[in-house]
Amino acid sequence: MRGKFLLMLVGATLGGISAYLFTKKDEELKNRIAVLQEKVKKTDLSNKVKSSLDEILSKLNKITTEKVASPSIDNVDRERVLREVEEKVEQLEELLRKEQ
């Protein structure tokens, strides 16, 4: 009986930690996307390039908002999506650094 209770307690604790880490990473990505959107608005790029970058950032924001928050997605897929979005954000940050 104690063993089952202890296992349940450990599982609940690990689940809570996992949820916290996903939420924290999701919030960090949303903040980075918002910062990138501001940088795109301030840079001296052509309107076509600015609109393309803004569209990409909007799609990334939508992915983090809808897919990651979906209850039907499991933790492995959620981590994969967050990792893909993070890679795209890093690529866009690098491109903007080169342009400035």
PDB file of N, CA and C in Angstrom:
ATOM      1  N   MET A   1       0.824  -1.191   0.000  1.00  0.00           N
ATOM      2  CA  MET A   1       0.000   0.000   0.000  1.00  0.00           C
ATOM      3  C   MET A   1       0.867   1.253   0.000  1.00  0.00           C
ATOM      4  N   ARG A   2       1.886   1.275   0.863  1.00  0.00           N
ATOM      5  CA  ARG A   2       2.762   2.442   0.922  1.00  0.00           C
ATOM      6  C   ARG A   2       3.524   2.623  -0.386  1.00  0.00           C
ATOM      7  N   GLY A   3       3.938   1.505  -0.961  1.00  0.00           N
ATOM      8  CA  GLY A   3       4.690   1.559  -2.213  1.00  0.00           C
ATOM      9  C   GLY A   3       3.874   2.190  -3.329  1.00  0.00           C
ATOM     10  N   LYS A   4       2.598   1.807  -3.414  1.00  0.00           N
ATOM     11  CA  LYS A   4       1.724   2.367  -4.449  1.00  0.00           C
ATOM     12  C   LYS A   4       1.501   3.860  -4.210  1.00  0.00           C
ATOM     13  N   PHE A   5       1.304   4.212  -2.957  1.00  0.00           N
ATOM     14  CA  PHE A   5       1.104   5.623  -2.627  1.00  0.00           C
ATOM     15  C   PHE A   5       2.350   6.442  -2.960  1.00  0.00           C
ATOM     16  N   LEU A   6       3.510   5.900  -2.633  1.00  0.00           N
ATOM     17  CA  LEU A   6       4.770   6.580  -2.915  1.00  0.00           C
ATOM     18  C   LEU A   6       4.973   6.734  -4.421  1.00  0.00           C
ATOM     19  N   LEU A   7       4.666   5.674  -5.166  1.00  0.00           N
ATOM     20  CA  LEU A   7       4.777   5.740  -6.620  1.00  0.00           C
ATOM     21  C   LEU A   7       3.831   6.793  -7.186  1.00  0.00           C
ATOM     22  N   MET A   8       2.609   6.845  -6.669  1.00  0.00           N
ATOM     23  CA  MET A   8       1.642   7.831  -7.130  1.00  0.00           C
ATOM     24  C   MET A   8       2.135   9.246  -6.821  1.00  0.00           C
ATOM     25  N   LEU A   9       2.694   9.438  -5.661  1.00  0.00           N
ATOM     26  CA  LEU A   9       3.217  10.740  -5.260  1.00  0.00           C
ATOM     27  C   LEU A   9       4.382  11.167  -6.152  1.00  0.00           C
ATOM     28  N   VAL A  10       5.287  10.242  -6.438  1.00  0.00           N
ATOM     29  CA  VAL A  10       6.424  10.535  -7.316  1.00  0.00           C
ATOM     30  C   VAL A  10       5.934  10.858  -8.723  1.00  0.00           C
ATOM     31  N   GLY A  11       4.978  10.095  -9.227  1.00  0.00           N
ATOM     32  CA  GLY A  11       4.427  10.339 -10.556  1.00  0.00           C
ATOM     33  C   GLY A  11       3.767  11.702 -10.664  1.00  0.00           C
ATOM     34  N   ALA A  12       2.997  12.061  -9.657  1.00  0.00           N
ATOM     35  CA  ALA A  12       2.334  13.364  -9.661  1.00  0.00           C
ATOM     36  C   ALA A  12       3.355  14.495  -9.613  1.00  0.00           C
ATOM     37  N   THR A  13       4.394  14.313  -8.821  1.00  0.00           N
ATOM     38  CA  THR A  13       5.444  15.332  -8.726  1.00  0.00           C
ATOM     39  C   THR A  13       6.166  15.501 -10.053  1.00  0.00           C
ATOM     40  N   LEU A  14       6.537  14.396 -10.674  1.00  0.00           N
ATOM     41  CA  LEU A  14       7.221  14.464 -11.969  1.00  0.00           C
ATOM     42  C   LEU A  14       6.320  15.059 -13.044  1.00  0.00           C
ATOM     43  N   GLY A  15       5.036  14.733 -13.005  1.00  0.00           N
ATOM     44  CA  GLY A  15       4.091  15.316 -13.952  1.00  0.00           C
ATOM     45  C   GLY A  15       3.982  16.822 -13.781  1.00  0.00           C
ATOM     46  N   GLY A  16       3.951  17.267 -12.550  1.00  0.00           N
ATOM     47  CA  GLY A  16       3.895  18.706 -12.277  1.00  0.00           C
ATOM     48  C   GLY A  16       5.136  19.426 -12.749  1.00  0.00           C
ATOM     49  N   ILE A  17       6.291  18.824 -12.518  1.00  0.00           N
ATOM     50  CA  ILE A  17       7.555  19.421 -12.973  1.00  0.00           C
ATOM     51  C   ILE A  17       7.594  19.490 -14.491  1.00  0.00           C
ATOM     52  N   SER A  18       7.163  18.421 -15.143  1.00  0.00           N
ATOM     53  CA  SER A  18       7.140  18.380 -16.603  1.00  0.00           C
ATOM     54  C   SER A  18       6.227  19.468 -17.165  1.00  0.00           C
ATOM     55  N   ALA A  19       5.046  19.600 -16.598  1.00  0.00           N
ATOM     56  CA  ALA A  19       4.108  20.629 -17.055  1.00  0.00           C
ATOM     57  C   ALA A  19       4.693  22.025 -16.857  1.00  0.00           C
ATOM     58  N   TYR A  20       5.348  22.244 -15.732  1.00  0.00           N
ATOM     59  CA  TYR A  20       5.965  23.544 -15.465  1.00  0.00           C
ATOM     60  C   TYR A  20       7.040  23.863 -16.495  1.00  0.00           C
ATOM     61  N   LEU A  21       7.886  22.876 -16.803  1.00  0.00           N
ATOM     62  CA  LEU A  21       8.965  23.107 -17.768  1.00  0.00           C
ATOM     63  C   LEU A  21       8.425  23.391 -19.162  1.00  0.00           C
ATOM     64  N   PHE A  22       7.377  22.664 -19.577  1.00  0.00           N
ATOM     65  CA  PHE A  22       6.781  22.924 -20.881  1.00  0.00           C
ATOM     66  C   PHE A  22       6.178  24.323 -20.929  1.00  0.00           C
ATOM     67  N   THR A  23       5.490  24.713 -19.869  1.00  0.00           N
ATOM     68  CA  THR A  23       4.879  26.037 -19.822  1.00  0.00           C
ATOM     69  C   THR A  23       5.945  27.123 -19.862  1.00  0.00           C
ATOM     70  N   LYS A  24       7.017  26.928 -19.121  1.00  0.00           N
ATOM     71  CA  LYS A  24       8.096  27.915 -19.089  1.00  0.00           C
ATOM     72  C   LYS A  24       8.749  28.048 -20.462  1.00  0.00           C
ATOM     73  N   LYS A  25       9.032  26.926 -21.106  1.00  0.00           N
ATOM     74  CA  LYS A  25       9.658  26.952 -22.427  1.00  0.00           C
ATOM     75  C   LYS A  25       8.721  27.595 -23.445  1.00  0.00           C
ATOM     76  N   ASP A  26       7.433  27.290 -23.352  1.00  0.00           N
ATOM     77  CA  ASP A  26       6.440  27.869 -24.252  1.00  0.00           C
ATOM     78  C   ASP A  26       6.387  29.385 -24.087  1.00  0.00           C
ATOM     79  N   GLU A  27       6.403  29.860 -22.851  1.00  0.00           N
ATOM     80  CA  GLU A  27       6.372  31.300 -22.597  1.00  0.00           C
ATOM     81  C   GLU A  27       7.637  31.980 -23.108  1.00  0.00           C
ATOM     82  N   GLU A  28       8.787  31.334 -22.931  1.00  0.00           N
ATOM     83  CA  GLU A  28      10.041  31.898 -23.432  1.00  0.00           C
ATOM     84  C   GLU A  28      10.008  32.035 -24.950  1.00  0.00           C
ATOM     85  N   LEU A  29       9.484  31.023 -25.631  1.00  0.00           N
ATOM     86  CA  LEU A  29       9.394  31.084 -27.091  1.00  0.00           C
ATOM     87  C   LEU A  29       8.448  32.192 -27.536  1.00  0.00           C
ATOM     88  N   LYS A  30       7.322  32.328 -26.856  1.00  0.00           N
ATOM     89  CA  LYS A  30       6.381  33.391 -27.210  1.00  0.00           C
ATOM     90  C   LYS A  30       7.028  34.763 -27.027  1.00  0.00           C
ATOM     91  N   ASN A  31       7.800  34.938 -25.957  1.00  0.00           N
ATOM     92  CA  ASN A  31       8.492  36.210 -25.734  1.00  0.00           C
ATOM     93  C   ASN A  31       9.537  36.467 -26.813  1.00  0.00           C
ATOM     94  N   ARG A  32      10.284  35.429 -27.182  1.00  0.00           N
ATOM     95  CA  ARG A  32      11.296  35.584 -28.233  1.00  0.00           C
ATOM     96  C   ARG A  32      10.644  35.934 -29.565  1.00  0.00           C
ATOM     97  N   ILE A  33       9.490  35.330 -29.854  1.00  0.00           N
ATOM     98  CA  ILE A  33       8.780  35.640 -31.092  1.00  0.00           C
ATOM     99  C   ILE A  33       8.304  37.086 -31.072  1.00  0.00           C
ATOM    100  N   ALA A  34       7.797  37.552 -29.942  1.00  0.00           N
ATOM    101  CA  ALA A  34       7.345  38.942 -29.833  1.00  0.00           C
ATOM    102  C   ALA A  34       8.504  39.915 -30.035  1.00  0.00           C
ATOM    103  N   VAL A  35       9.670  39.598 -29.463  1.00  0.00           N
ATOM    104  CA  VAL A  35      10.852  40.444 -29.639  1.00  0.00           C
ATOM    105  C   VAL A  35      11.268  40.470 -31.103  1.00  0.00           C
ATOM    106  N   LEU A  36      11.234  39.312 -31.749  1.00  0.00           N
ATOM    107  CA  LEU A  36      11.586  39.255 -33.170  1.00  0.00           C
ATOM    108  C   LEU A  36      10.619  40.072 -34.015  1.00  0.00           C
ATOM    109  N   GLN A  37       9.335  40.025 -33.687  1.00  0.00           N
ATOM    110  CA  GLN A  37       8.359  40.809 -34.437  1.00  0.00           C
ATOM    111  C   GLN A  37       8.654  42.302 -34.309  1.00  0.00           C
ATOM    112  N   GLU A  38       9.046  42.742 -33.135  1.00  0.00           N
ATOM    113  CA  GLU A  38       9.411  44.146 -32.944  1.00  0.00           C
ATOM    114  C   GLU A  38      10.662  44.498 -33.742  1.00  0.00           C
ATOM    115  N   LYS A  39      11.649  43.596 -33.754  1.00  0.00           N
ATOM    116  CA  LYS A  39      12.870  43.845 -34.518  1.00  0.00           C
ATOM    117  C   LYS A  39      12.578  43.933 -36.007  1.00  0.00           C
ATOM    118  N   VAL A  40      11.679  43.086 -36.487  1.00  0.00           N
ATOM    119  CA  VAL A  40      11.319  43.106 -37.908  1.00  0.00           C
ATOM    120  C   VAL A  40      10.690  44.445 -38.261  1.00  0.00           C
ATOM    121  N   LYS A  41       9.853  44.964 -37.379  1.00  0.00           N
ATOM    122  CA  LYS A  41       9.209  46.253 -37.638  1.00  0.00           C
ATOM    123  C   LYS A  41      10.225  47.392 -37.683  1.00  0.00           C
ATOM    124  N   LYS A  42      11.289  47.292 -36.885  1.00  0.00           N
ATOM    125  CA  LYS A  42      12.264  48.376 -36.782  1.00  0.00           C
ATOM    126  C   LYS A  42      13.366  48.321 -37.832  1.00  0.00           C
ATOM    127  N   THR A  43      13.572  47.181 -38.479  1.00  0.00           N
ATOM    128  CA  THR A  43      14.678  47.054 -39.429  1.00  0.00           C
ATOM    129  C   THR A  43      14.340  47.695 -40.762  1.00  0.00           C
ATOM    130  N   ASP A  44      15.396  48.023 -41.499  1.00  0.00           N
ATOM    131  CA  ASP A  44      15.236  48.628 -42.818  1.00  0.00           C
ATOM    132  C   ASP A  44      15.258  47.548 -43.890  1.00  0.00           C
ATOM    133  N   LEU A  45      14.200  46.799 -43.958  1.00  0.00           N
ATOM    134  CA  LEU A  45      14.059  45.767 -44.970  1.00  0.00           C
ATOM    135  C   LEU A  45      12.943  46.168 -45.923  1.00  0.00           C
ATOM    136  N   SER A  46      12.929  45.554 -47.083  1.00  0.00           N
ATOM    137  CA  SER A  46      11.846  45.849 -48.019  1.00  0.00           C
ATOM    138  C   SER A  46      10.526  45.354 -47.433  1.00  0.00           C
ATOM    139  N   ASN A  47       9.443  45.945 -47.901  1.00  0.00           N
ATOM    140  CA  ASN A  47       8.130  45.573 -47.377  1.00  0.00           C
ATOM    141  C   ASN A  47       7.819  44.101 -47.616  1.00  0.00           C
ATOM    142  N   LYS A  48       8.281  43.583 -48.752  1.00  0.00           N
ATOM    143  CA  LYS A  48       8.024  42.181 -49.074  1.00  0.00           C
ATOM    144  C   LYS A  48       8.717  41.262 -48.066  1.00  0.00           C
ATOM    145  N   VAL A  49       9.961  41.574 -47.748  1.00  0.00           N
ATOM    146  CA  VAL A  49      10.711  40.762 -46.785  1.00  0.00           C
ATOM    147  C   VAL A  49      10.095  40.891 -45.398  1.00  0.00           C
ATOM    148  N   LYS A  50       9.730  42.119 -45.012  1.00  0.00           N
ATOM    149  CA  LYS A  50       9.113  42.326 -43.699  1.00  0.00           C
ATOM    150  C   LYS A  50       7.813  41.543 -43.568  1.00  0.00           C
ATOM    151  N   SER A  51       6.991  41.583 -44.614  1.00  0.00           N
ATOM    152  CA  SER A  51       5.715  40.865 -44.541  1.00  0.00           C
ATOM    153  C   SER A  51       5.935  39.358 -44.489  1.00  0.00           C
ATOM    154  N   SER A  52       6.938  38.866 -45.209  1.00  0.00           N
ATOM    155  CA  SER A  52       7.241  37.431 -45.167  1.00  0.00           C
ATOM    156  C   SER A  52       7.711  37.017 -43.778  1.00  0.00           C
ATOM    157  N   LEU A  53       8.621  37.802 -43.203  1.00  0.00           N
ATOM    158  CA  LEU A  53       9.109  37.495 -41.856  1.00  0.00           C
ATOM    159  C   LEU A  53       7.986  37.572 -40.829  1.00  0.00           C
ATOM    160  N   ASP A  54       7.140  38.574 -40.962  1.00  0.00           N
ATOM    161  CA  ASP A  54       6.032  38.721 -40.022  1.00  0.00           C
ATOM    162  C   ASP A  54       5.059  37.548 -40.140  1.00  0.00           C
ATOM    163  N   GLU A  55       4.835  37.094 -41.368  1.00  0.00           N
ATOM    164  CA  GLU A  55       3.952  35.946 -41.582  1.00  0.00           C
ATOM    165  C   GLU A  55       4.538  34.680 -40.949  1.00  0.00           C
ATOM    166  N   ILE A  56       5.834  34.479 -41.122  1.00  0.00           N
ATOM    167  CA  ILE A  56       6.498  33.316 -40.528  1.00  0.00           C
ATOM    168  C   ILE A  56       6.395  33.366 -39.009  1.00  0.00           C
ATOM    169  N   LEU A  57       6.651  34.533 -38.435  1.00  0.00           N
ATOM    170  CA  LEU A  57       6.576  34.676 -36.977  1.00  0.00           C
ATOM    171  C   LEU A  57       5.154  34.454 -36.466  1.00  0.00           C
ATOM    172  N   SER A  58       4.171  34.920 -37.222  1.00  0.00           N
ATOM    173  CA  SER A  58       2.777  34.701 -36.824  1.00  0.00           C
ATOM    174  C   SER A  58       2.435  33.215 -36.828  1.00  0.00           C
ATOM    175  N   LYS A  59       2.933  32.503 -37.846  1.00  0.00           N
ATOM    176  CA  LYS A  59       2.679  31.060 -37.909  1.00  0.00           C
ATOM    177  C   LYS A  59       3.353  30.334 -36.751  1.00  0.00           C
ATOM    178  N   LEU A  60       4.578  30.731 -36.427  1.00  0.00           N
ATOM    179  CA  LEU A  60       5.277  30.106 -35.299  1.00  0.00           C
ATOM    180  C   LEU A  60       4.538  30.365 -33.992  1.00  0.00           C
ATOM    181  N   ASN A  61       4.048  31.583 -33.836  1.00  0.00           N
ATOM    182  CA  ASN A  61       3.288  31.925 -32.633  1.00  0.00           C
ATOM    183  C   ASN A  61       2.004  31.098 -32.562  1.00  0.00           C
ATOM    184  N   LYS A  62       1.358  30.924 -33.716  1.00  0.00           N
ATOM    185  CA  LYS A  62       0.126  30.134 -33.766  1.00  0.00           C
ATOM    186  C   LYS A  62       0.411  28.676 -33.397  1.00  0.00           C
ATOM    187  N   ILE A  63       1.527  28.152 -33.885  1.00  0.00           N
ATOM    188  CA  ILE A  63       1.891  26.769 -33.563  1.00  0.00           C
ATOM    189  C   ILE A  63       2.097  26.610 -32.067  1.00  0.00           C
ATOM    190  N   THR A  64       2.832  27.543 -31.459  1.00  0.00           N
ATOM    191  CA  THR A  64       3.083  27.420 -30.022  1.00  0.00           C
ATOM    192  C   THR A  64       1.802  27.608 -29.224  1.00  0.00           C
ATOM    193  N   THR A  65       0.902  28.435 -29.726  1.00  0.00           N
ATOM    194  CA  THR A  65      -0.337  28.688 -28.995  1.00  0.00           C
ATOM    195  C   THR A  65      -1.319  27.533 -29.124  1.00  0.00           C
ATOM    196  N   GLU A  66      -1.515  27.038 -30.355  1.00  0.00           N
ATOM    197  CA  GLU A  66      -2.548  26.032 -30.577  1.00  0.00           C
ATOM    198  C   GLU A  66      -2.061  24.601 -30.368  1.00  0.00           C
ATOM    199  N   LYS A  67      -0.957  24.235 -31.011  1.00  0.00           N
ATOM    200  CA  LYS A  67      -0.512  22.841 -30.944  1.00  0.00           C
ATOM    201  C   LYS A  67      -0.035  22.456 -29.556  1.00  0.00           C
ATOM    202  N   VAL A  68       0.765  23.300 -28.961  1.00  0.00           N
ATOM    203  CA  VAL A  68       1.344  22.954 -27.661  1.00  0.00           C
ATOM    204  C   VAL A  68       0.274  22.935 -26.577  1.00  0.00           C
ATOM    205  N   ALA A  69      -0.712  23.805 -26.685  1.00  0.00           N
ATOM    206  CA  ALA A  69      -1.761  23.872 -25.667  1.00  0.00           C
ATOM    207  C   ALA A  69      -2.838  22.805 -25.865  1.00  0.00           C
ATOM    208  N   SER A  70      -2.815  22.119 -26.995  1.00  0.00           N
ATOM    209  CA  SER A  70      -3.825  21.108 -27.294  1.00  0.00           C
ATOM    210  C   SER A  70      -3.742  19.944 -26.308  1.00  0.00           C
ATOM    211  N   PRO A  71      -4.877  19.555 -25.739  1.00  0.00           N
ATOM    212  CA  PRO A  71      -4.844  18.438 -24.791  1.00  0.00           C
ATOM    213  C   PRO A  71      -4.608  17.084 -25.467  1.00  0.00           C
ATOM    214  N   SER A  72      -4.805  17.020 -26.783  1.00  0.00           N
ATOM    215  CA  SER A  72      -4.651  15.742 -27.478  1.00  0.00           C
ATOM    216  C   SER A  72      -3.195  15.404 -27.789  1.00  0.00           C
ATOM    217  N   ILE A  73      -2.291  16.344 -27.604  1.00  0.00           N
ATOM    218  CA  ILE A  73      -0.882  16.112 -27.924  1.00  0.00           C
ATOM    219  C   ILE A  73      -0.161  15.583 -26.683  1.00  0.00           C
ATOM    220  N   ASP A  74       0.680  14.569 -26.878  1.00  0.00           N
ATOM    221  CA  ASP A  74       1.405  14.020 -25.732  1.00  0.00           C
ATOM    222  C   ASP A  74       2.719  14.775 -25.524  1.00  0.00           C
ATOM    223  N   ASN A  75       3.401  14.483 -24.436  1.00  0.00           N
ATOM    224  CA  ASN A  75       4.601  15.237 -24.058  1.00  0.00           C
ATOM    225  C   ASN A  75       5.729  15.109 -25.066  1.00  0.00           C
ATOM    226  N   VAL A  76       5.870  13.950 -25.687  1.00  0.00           N
ATOM    227  CA  VAL A  76       6.944  13.754 -26.663  1.00  0.00           C
ATOM    228  C   VAL A  76       6.712  14.639 -27.883  1.00  0.00           C
ATOM    229  N   ASP A  77       5.478  14.644 -28.393  1.00  0.00           N
ATOM    230  CA  ASP A  77       5.164  15.492 -29.543  1.00  0.00           C
ATOM    231  C   ASP A  77       5.251  16.969 -29.181  1.00  0.00           C
ATOM    232  N   ARG A  78       4.814  17.308 -27.987  1.00  0.00           N
ATOM    233  CA  ARG A  78       4.878  18.699 -27.536  1.00  0.00           C
ATOM    234  C   ARG A  78       6.329  19.173 -27.484  1.00  0.00           C
ATOM    235  N   GLU A  79       7.207  18.344 -26.967  1.00  0.00           N
ATOM    236  CA  GLU A  79       8.635  18.687 -26.901  1.00  0.00           C
ATOM    237  C   GLU A  79       9.220  18.826 -28.304  1.00  0.00           C
ATOM    238  N   ARG A  80       8.825  17.943 -29.219  1.00  0.00           N
ATOM    239  CA  ARG A  80       9.315  18.001 -30.595  1.00  0.00           C
ATOM    240  C   ARG A  80       8.871  19.298 -31.270  1.00  0.00           C
ATOM    241  N   VAL A  81       7.607  19.662 -31.095  1.00  0.00           N
ATOM    242  CA  VAL A  81       7.089  20.897 -31.693  1.00  0.00           C
ATOM    243  C   VAL A  81       7.818  22.103 -31.122  1.00  0.00           C
ATOM    244  N   LEU A  82       7.997  22.139 -29.808  1.00  0.00           N
ATOM    245  CA  LEU A  82       8.700  23.262 -29.186  1.00  0.00           C
ATOM    246  C   LEU A  82      10.142  23.352 -29.674  1.00  0.00           C
ATOM    247  N   ARG A  83      10.780  22.214 -29.854  1.00  0.00           N
ATOM    248  CA  ARG A  83      12.162  22.201 -30.344  1.00  0.00           C
ATOM    249  C   ARG A  83      12.234  22.725 -31.782  1.00  0.00           C
ATOM    250  N   GLU A  84      11.279  22.315 -32.629  1.00  0.00           N
ATOM    251  CA  GLU A  84      11.254  22.791 -34.015  1.00  0.00           C
ATOM    252  C   GLU A  84      11.021  24.299 -34.074  1.00  0.00           C
ATOM    253  N   VAL A  85      10.091  24.786 -33.267  1.00  0.00           N
ATOM    254  CA  VAL A  85       9.815  26.225 -33.243  1.00  0.00           C
ATOM    255  C   VAL A  85      11.038  26.980 -32.744  1.00  0.00           C
ATOM    256  N   GLU A  86      11.694  26.441 -31.727  1.00  0.00           N
ATOM    257  CA  GLU A  86      12.890  27.096 -31.194  1.00  0.00           C
ATOM    258  C   GLU A  86      13.994  27.170 -32.249  1.00  0.00           C
ATOM    259  N   GLU A  87      14.157  26.121 -33.037  1.00  0.00           N
ATOM    260  CA  GLU A  87      15.163  26.130 -34.104  1.00  0.00           C
ATOM    261  C   GLU A  87      14.842  27.196 -35.143  1.00  0.00           C
ATOM    262  N   LYS A  88      13.579  27.314 -35.514  1.00  0.00           N
ATOM    263  CA  LYS A  88      13.172  28.323 -36.506  1.00  0.00           C
ATOM    264  C   LYS A  88      13.392  29.729 -35.959  1.00  0.00           C
ATOM    265  N   VAL A  89      13.075  29.931 -34.697  1.00  0.00           N
ATOM    266  CA  VAL A  89      13.269  31.244 -34.077  1.00  0.00           C
ATOM    267  C   VAL A  89      14.752  31.595 -34.060  1.00  0.00           C
ATOM    268  N   GLU A  90      15.602  30.625 -33.736  1.00  0.00           N
ATOM    269  CA  GLU A  90      17.049  30.875 -33.733  1.00  0.00           C
ATOM    270  C   GLU A  90      17.546  31.225 -35.131  1.00  0.00           C
ATOM    271  N   GLN A  91      17.023  30.550 -36.158  1.00  0.00           N
ATOM    272  CA  GLN A  91      17.416  30.860 -37.532  1.00  0.00           C
ATOM    273  C   GLN A  91      16.998  32.280 -37.909  1.00  0.00           C
ATOM    274  N   LEU A  92      15.796  32.666 -37.525  1.00  0.00           N
ATOM    275  CA  LEU A  92      15.332  34.024 -37.826  1.00  0.00           C
ATOM    276  C   LEU A  92      16.143  35.068 -37.064  1.00  0.00           C
ATOM    277  N   GLU A  93      16.489  34.774 -35.815  1.00  0.00           N
ATOM    278  CA  GLU A  93      17.324  35.703 -35.048  1.00  0.00           C
ATOM    279  C   GLU A  93      18.682  35.883 -35.726  1.00  0.00           C
ATOM    280  N   GLU A  94      19.241  34.802 -36.207  1.00  0.00           N
ATOM    281  CA  GLU A  94      20.536  34.866 -36.897  1.00  0.00           C
ATOM    282  C   GLU A  94      20.425  35.689 -38.184  1.00  0.00           C
ATOM    283  N   LEU A  95      19.360  35.491 -38.934  1.00  0.00           N
ATOM    284  CA  LEU A  95      19.158  36.272 -40.159  1.00  0.00           C
ATOM    285  C   LEU A  95      19.033  37.761 -39.857  1.00  0.00           C
ATOM    286  N   LEU A  96      18.300  38.092 -38.818  1.00  0.00           N
ATOM    287  CA  LEU A  96      18.140  39.503 -38.460  1.00  0.00           C
ATOM    288  C   LEU A  96      19.453  40.106 -37.977  1.00  0.00           C
ATOM    289  N   ARG A  97      20.269  39.331 -37.284  1.00  0.00           N
ATOM    290  CA  ARG A  97      21.584  39.832 -36.861  1.00  0.00           C
ATOM    291  C   ARG A  97      22.460  40.133 -38.067  1.00  0.00           C
ATOM    292  N   LYS A  98      22.392  39.290 -39.075  1.00  0.00           N
ATOM    293  CA  LYS A  98      23.192  39.505 -40.285  1.00  0.00           C
ATOM    294  C   LYS A  98      22.729  40.743 -41.046  1.00  0.00           C
ATOM    295  N   GLU A  99      21.431  41.017 -41.018  1.00  0.00           N
ATOM    296  CA  GLU A  99      20.878  42.161 -41.744  1.00  0.00           C
ATOM    297  C   GLU A  99      21.206  43.487 -41.068  1.00  0.00           C
ATOM    298  N   GLN A 100      21.458  43.462 -39.784  1.00  0.00           N
ATOM    299  CA  GLN A 100      21.689  44.725 -39.069  1.00  0.00           C
ATOM    300  C   GLN A 100      23.115  45.111 -39.050  1.00  0.00           C
TER     301      GLN A 100
END
